[in-house]
C-alpha atoms as a PDB file:
ATOM      1  CA  MET A   1      26.007  22.660   6.873  1.00  0.00           C
ATOM      2  CA  PRO A   2      27.335  19.634   8.721  1.00  0.00           C
ATOM      3  CA  ALA A   3      25.516  16.361   8.637  1.00  0.00           C
ATOM      4  CA  ALA A   4      23.862  15.120  11.557  1.00  0.00           C
ATOM      5  CA  THR A   5      23.328  11.626  11.093  1.00  0.00           C
ATOM      6  CA  GLU A   6      25.585   8.674   9.216  1.00  0.00           C
ATOM      7  CA  ARG A   7      22.186   8.993   6.907  1.00  0.00           C
ATOM      8  CA  GLU A   8      22.602  12.615   6.158  1.00  0.00           C
ATOM      9  CA  GLU A   9      26.550  12.223   5.830  1.00  0.00           C
ATOM     10  CA  TYR A  10      26.065   9.658   2.813  1.00  0.00           C
ATOM     11  CA  GLN A  11      23.177  11.712   1.086  1.00  0.00           C
ATOM     12  CA  GLN A  12      25.677  14.734   1.228  1.00  0.00           C
ATOM     13  CA  ARG A  13      28.428  12.711   0.131  1.00  0.00           C
ATOM     14  CA  ILE A  14      25.852  11.361  -2.868  1.00  0.00           C
ATOM     15  CA  LEU A  15      25.124  14.728  -3.518  1.00  0.00           C
ATOM     16  CA  ASN A  16      28.593  16.298  -3.936  1.00  0.00           C
ATOM     17  CA  ASP A  17      29.731  13.072  -6.318  1.00  0.00           C
ATOM     18  CA  LEU A  18      26.657  14.204  -8.202  1.00  0.00           C
ATOM     19  CA  ASN A  19      28.295  17.587  -8.315  1.00  0.00           C
ATOM     20  CA  THR A  20      31.440  17.256  -8.986  1.00  0.00           C
ATOM     21  CA  ARG A  21      31.579  13.925 -11.525  1.00  0.00           C
ATOM     22  CA  PHE A  22      28.558  14.906 -13.553  1.00  0.00           C
ATOM     23  CA  HIS A  23      28.369  18.610 -13.140  1.00  0.00           C
ATOM     24  CA  LEU A  24      24.719  18.298 -12.150  1.00  0.00           C
ATOM     25  CA  GLU A  25      23.419  21.225  -9.122  1.00  0.00           C
ATOM     26  CA  VAL A  26      21.381  18.865  -6.960  1.00  0.00           C
ATOM     27  CA  ARG A  27      19.106  20.607  -4.069  1.00  0.00           C
ATOM     28  CA  LEU A  28      16.912  19.141  -1.300  1.00  0.00           C
ATOM     29  CA  GLU A  29      13.935  21.302  -0.463  1.00  0.00           C
ATOM     30  CA  LYS A  30      11.092  20.376   2.163  1.00  0.00           C
ATOM     31  CA  GLU A  31       7.762  21.794   0.453  1.00  0.00           C
ATOM     32  CA  GLN A  32       4.207  22.237   2.117  1.00  0.00           C
ATOM     33  CA  VAL A  33       1.254  20.317  -0.406  1.00  0.00           C
ATOM     34  CA  VAL A  34      -1.869  20.762  -0.459  1.00  0.00           C
ATOM     35  CA  SER A  35      -3.705  17.660   0.322  1.00  0.00           C
ATOM     36  CA  ASP A  36      -7.205  19.260   0.682  1.00  0.00           C
ATOM     37  CA  ILE A  37      -9.022  22.228  -0.296  1.00  0.00           C
ATOM     38  CA  TYR A  38     -12.644  23.467  -0.168  1.00  0.00           C
ATOM     39  CA  PHE A  39     -14.453  26.221  -1.276  1.00  0.00           C
ATOM     40  CA  ASN A  40     -14.948  28.947   1.051  1.00  0.00           C
ATOM     41  CA  GLU A  41     -18.185  31.212   0.020  1.00  0.00           C
ATOM     42  CA  MET A  42     -17.494  34.373   1.706  1.00  0.00           C
ATOM     43  CA  MET A  43     -14.133  35.004  -0.106  1.00  0.00           C
ATOM     44  CA  GLY A  44     -15.287  33.719  -3.070  1.00  0.00           C
ATOM     45  CA  CYS A  45     -12.327  31.679  -3.741  1.00  0.00           C
ATOM     46  CA  PRO A  46     -10.507  27.954  -2.636  1.00  0.00           C
ATOM     47  CA  ALA A  47      -8.635  27.302   0.865  1.00  0.00           C
ATOM     48  CA  ALA A  48      -6.402  24.632   1.759  1.00  0.00           C
ATOM     49  CA  THR A  49      -7.744  22.794   4.714  1.00  0.00           C
ATOM     50  CA  SER A  50      -5.002  20.169   5.206  1.00  0.00           C
ATOM     51  CA  TRP A  51      -1.441  19.992   3.840  1.00  0.00           C
ATOM     52  CA  HIS A  52       1.779  17.847   4.184  1.00  0.00           C
ATOM     53  CA  GLU A  53       5.225  18.351   4.190  1.00  0.00           C
ATOM     54  CA  GLN A  54       7.140  16.375   1.390  1.00  0.00           C
ATOM     55  CA  THR A  55      10.993  16.370   0.333  1.00  0.00           C
ATOM     56  CA  VAL A  56      11.262  17.397  -3.274  1.00  0.00           C
ATOM     57  CA  MET A  57      14.836  16.647  -5.123  1.00  0.00           C
ATOM     58  CA  THR A  58      15.635  18.954  -8.190  1.00  0.00           C
ATOM     59  CA  ILE A  59      18.430  18.415 -10.625  1.00  0.00           C
ATOM     60  CA  LYS A  60      19.568  20.286 -13.406  1.00  0.00           C
ATOM     61  CA  PRO A  61      22.808  20.830 -15.521  1.00  0.00           C
ATOM     62  CA  MET A  62      25.423  23.123 -14.005  1.00  0.00           C
ATOM     63  CA  VAL A  63      25.691  26.794 -15.951  1.00  0.00           C
ATOM     64  CA  MET A  64      29.694  26.578 -16.915  1.00  0.00           C
ATOM     65  CA  MET A  65      31.187  29.799 -17.357  1.00  0.00           C
ATOM     66  CA  SER A  66      33.898  30.325 -19.799  1.00  0.00           C
END
């Protein structure tokens, strides 16, 4: 996916370098994180009342196939 801004292009270069030089698989994902919950008595279980989006970076070694 092409970078939309200079900052995104810089981030992509860093991720590519981590991948090629250090053989790391790096992924950036946006996740929804629950900020507050309450107990819903009608359903008998907790329910989320507010959440926010957070960027999460996952780094793991690449699996080398032989």
